[in-house]
């Protein structure tokens, strides 16, 4: 379903919209709402789409709405949409120039929105941005690792991003966490709808980058990213042994399914007349790599070496997979 508000309503759009999705979030939601209310630059509106909560989530929102220093609009889903489609709906209902995504269970530092607006105000070429985050436990106690350390967003990848080679980074792995993300609302026409098979943050970052829309990042953590047993998407990195075990459990057509997802990026860019030859070649190379990895896993072990060595020589394991770990999986699983 298309929830987009349309061009007519976009004319009065200065300011900040927050798109928040909720679902049975009563344990931590109030802390997040209070952190938003204490921003040095307040949002103009908070759009909340609730995905059929059965706990006290709605009561918390309604009580907060009475005292909030900004407009809050609540939308209740008639049927359960899931994370991606719920964010699609929330994004479509935002009214202002800048759209900032929010989870229900994190905690924002008071300067988050100020930092975001400073970037967009001072750099007209920037279409989207994201920041680092502190990984914390249920009680907001800091761990010994940040989001970027967990996601292996290292110095070289940051330099690639700064130099406009963001597609190179994102085709290897997603480093953009939705809870830290913001983008200009004019980009919704390209972003929406979001295919339900994609996670919303990975789709937005990769699609915009493939459309040659410049993204950037803020080095400092702007949120506390809470880890708890009820969250749908976490950040804990698997050990190599765990990755091997998970690979055994993956569906037989795992790589082909991923290839189809990346084809959706190309299809959307063609549909919206935003596909450049460079982006198409790069994404097609990623798709080719995934298809070869699928073929490798369909062969007996002793017949895999030729194709693995070929992908090593072409440097596609380093460009599009996890280097030697992926080589090991393809040879021995």
Foldseek 3Di string as FASTA:
>chain_A
DQQAPDDVLQPPAAWEEEQEEDAQLVLAQLQALVLQQLAPDHGQEYEYEYQDHPDCPVVSVVVCCVPRPHYYDYHYDPHGDDQQQSSLNSLNPHRHFKYAYAYRHWHFHRHLVVVVVVCVVVDVLAFKEFEKAFEAENVLHGDPDILCVLVVCDDVNQVCLVVLNVLLVLLQHDSHDRNGMMGTSVCSVLLPPPPPVDRSRSSVSNLCSQLSRRYHYDYDHGMHHYDDDPDPDDRHDDDLVVVLVVVVVDDLCNLVVVLVVLVVSVVSCVVVVRGDPVSVVVSVVLSVVSVLLSVLSVDPLVVNPVSLVVCVVVVCCVRRYDPPSSSCSSRPD
